[in-house]
Protein backbone atom coordinates (compact mmCIF):
# COMPACT_ATOMS: atom_id res chain seq x y z
CA MET A 1 0.00 0.00 0.00
CA LYS A 2 2.89 2.34 0.72
CA ASN A 3 4.12 2.06 -2.89
CA LEU A 4 0.70 3.11 -4.18
CA GLU A 5 0.77 6.18 -1.93
CA ARG A 6 3.89 7.34 -3.76
CA LEU A 7 1.86 7.73 -6.96
CA LYS A 8 -0.66 10.19 -5.48
CA GLY A 9 0.91 13.24 -7.11
CA CYS A 10 2.88 14.64 -4.18
CA CYS A 11 6.28 16.31 -4.09
CA PRO A 12 9.19 13.86 -4.47
CA ARG A 13 11.13 15.47 -1.60
CA CYS A 14 8.58 16.17 1.17
CA GLY A 15 5.78 13.85 0.02
CA THR A 16 3.07 16.29 1.11
CA GLY A 17 3.07 19.18 -1.36
CA GLU A 18 0.86 18.95 -4.42
CA LEU A 19 2.92 18.20 -7.54
CA TYR A 20 0.35 19.24 -10.17
CA ASP A 21 -1.38 22.51 -11.00
CA GLY A 22 -4.06 20.84 -13.12
CA PHE A 23 -4.38 17.31 -14.44
CA LEU A 24 -0.82 17.02 -15.81
CA SER A 25 0.73 20.51 -15.44
CA VAL A 26 3.60 20.39 -12.95
CA LYS A 27 3.81 23.29 -10.51
CA PRO A 28 6.99 25.39 -10.71
CA ILE A 29 7.70 25.09 -6.95
CA CYS A 30 6.42 22.77 -4.22
CA PRO A 31 4.10 24.80 -1.98
CA ASP A 32 5.21 22.93 1.17
CA CYS A 33 9.00 22.51 0.99
CA GLY A 34 9.90 24.98 -1.78
CA LEU A 35 11.56 22.40 -4.06
CA ASP A 36 12.21 23.84 -7.51
CA LEU A 37 10.35 21.47 -9.83
CA SER A 38 11.87 22.82 -13.04
CA PHE A 39 13.84 19.56 -13.35
CA ALA A 40 10.57 17.62 -13.63
CA ASP A 41 10.25 16.92 -17.32
CA ALA A 42 8.83 13.48 -18.00
CA GLY A 43 8.43 14.42 -21.66
CA ASP A 44 6.49 11.95 -23.76
CA GLY A 45 7.49 8.96 -21.61
CA PRO A 46 4.19 8.54 -19.75
CA ALA A 47 2.12 9.01 -22.91
CA PHE A 48 4.22 6.47 -24.82
CA PHE A 49 3.93 3.75 -22.18
CA VAL A 50 0.24 4.43 -21.62
CA MET A 51 -0.43 4.23 -25.38
CA TRP A 52 1.26 0.83 -25.64
CA PHE A 53 -0.56 -0.55 -22.61
CA SER A 54 -3.85 0.91 -23.78
CA MET A 55 -3.43 -0.46 -27.29
CA LEU A 56 -2.85 -3.97 -26.00
CA VAL A 57 -5.77 -3.90 -23.58
CA THR A 58 -8.19 -2.30 -26.05
CA VAL A 59 -7.37 -4.58 -28.99
CA LEU A 60 -7.60 -7.72 -26.84
CA PHE A 61 -10.92 -6.51 -25.43
CA ALA A 62 -12.33 -5.72 -28.89
CA VAL A 63 -11.27 -9.11 -30.27
CA TRP A 64 -12.77 -10.87 -27.26
CA MET A 65 -16.05 -8.94 -27.64
CA GLU A 66 -16.26 -9.70 -31.35
CA ALA A 67 -14.98 -13.28 -31.49
CA GLY A 68 -15.58 -14.62 -27.99
CA VAL A 69 -18.86 -13.04 -26.99
CA GLY A 70 -20.28 -12.33 -30.44
CA ALA A 71 -21.66 -8.98 -29.34
CA PRO A 72 -23.31 -6.68 -31.88
CA LEU A 73 -20.99 -4.20 -33.58
CA TRP A 74 -22.55 -1.15 -31.89
CA LEU A 75 -22.01 -2.68 -28.43
CA THR A 76 -18.42 -3.63 -29.27
CA ILE A 77 -17.67 -0.08 -30.43
CA LEU A 78 -19.32 1.48 -27.38
CA LEU A 79 -17.59 -0.73 -24.81
CA THR A 80 -14.24 -0.60 -26.60
CA THR A 81 -14.38 3.21 -26.56
CA ILE A 82 -15.01 3.14 -22.80
CA VAL A 83 -12.13 0.70 -22.26
CA LEU A 84 -9.87 2.87 -24.43
CA ALA A 85 -10.72 6.04 -22.49
CA ALA A 86 -10.28 4.36 -19.11
CA SER A 87 -7.00 2.65 -20.03
CA THR A 88 -5.45 5.90 -21.28
CA ILE A 89 -6.68 8.50 -18.80
CA LEU A 90 -6.48 6.58 -15.51
CA PRO A 91 -2.79 5.50 -15.56
CA LEU A 92 -1.37 8.69 -17.11
CA ARG A 93 -1.02 10.82 -13.98
CA PRO A 94 0.36 8.06 -11.68
CA LEU A 95 2.92 7.10 -14.35
CA LYS A 96 4.02 10.72 -14.81
CA THR A 97 4.32 11.05 -11.02
CA TRP A 98 6.48 7.93 -10.87
CA LEU A 99 8.78 9.17 -13.65
CA ILE A 100 9.20 12.57 -11.98
CA LYS A 101 10.02 10.92 -8.66
CA GLN A 102 12.62 8.74 -10.40
CA GLN A 103 14.16 11.87 -11.94
CA TYR A 104 14.43 13.39 -8.47
CA LYS A 105 15.75 10.21 -6.84
CA TYR A 106 18.51 9.66 -9.39
CA GLU A 107 19.16 13.39 -9.98
CA ALA A 108 18.50 13.03 -13.71
CA ARG A 109 19.01 16.22 -15.65
CA GLU A 110 19.19 17.28 -19.26
CA GLY A 111 22.24 15.87 -21.03
CA LYS A 112 25.06 18.17 -22.08
CA LEU A 113 27.76 17.69 -24.66
CA VAL A 114 31.34 17.56 -23.46
CA THR A 115 33.58 19.78 -25.58
CA ASP A 116 37.35 20.16 -25.63
CA ASP A 117 37.27 23.47 -23.74
CA MET A 118 35.28 21.82 -20.91
CA GLU A 119 38.06 19.32 -20.12
């Protein structure tokens, strides 16, 4: 249960401050501990993983509805749309939270090129 609490959308340092301004917009600073959250850039990572998971779940569900149950086409389309919406929206925020917390934990930052004058 403690691992699930880490995905609630709280600050990676204090664990109490709200991480998001809206649904997926990261706040610039934690309101509780003052952590600068400018490092928090999960990019397209959460969307990519959610799309792959969602695609697998939705296609398997649609095939099962059509071939296994033999449901009418309108019912298959309706239920598959609901499954698609649920499997994309629900895991997006917890996955983004997890990736941001991993960035904080491992101090991941934007990569920089090493040039001769930096040596």
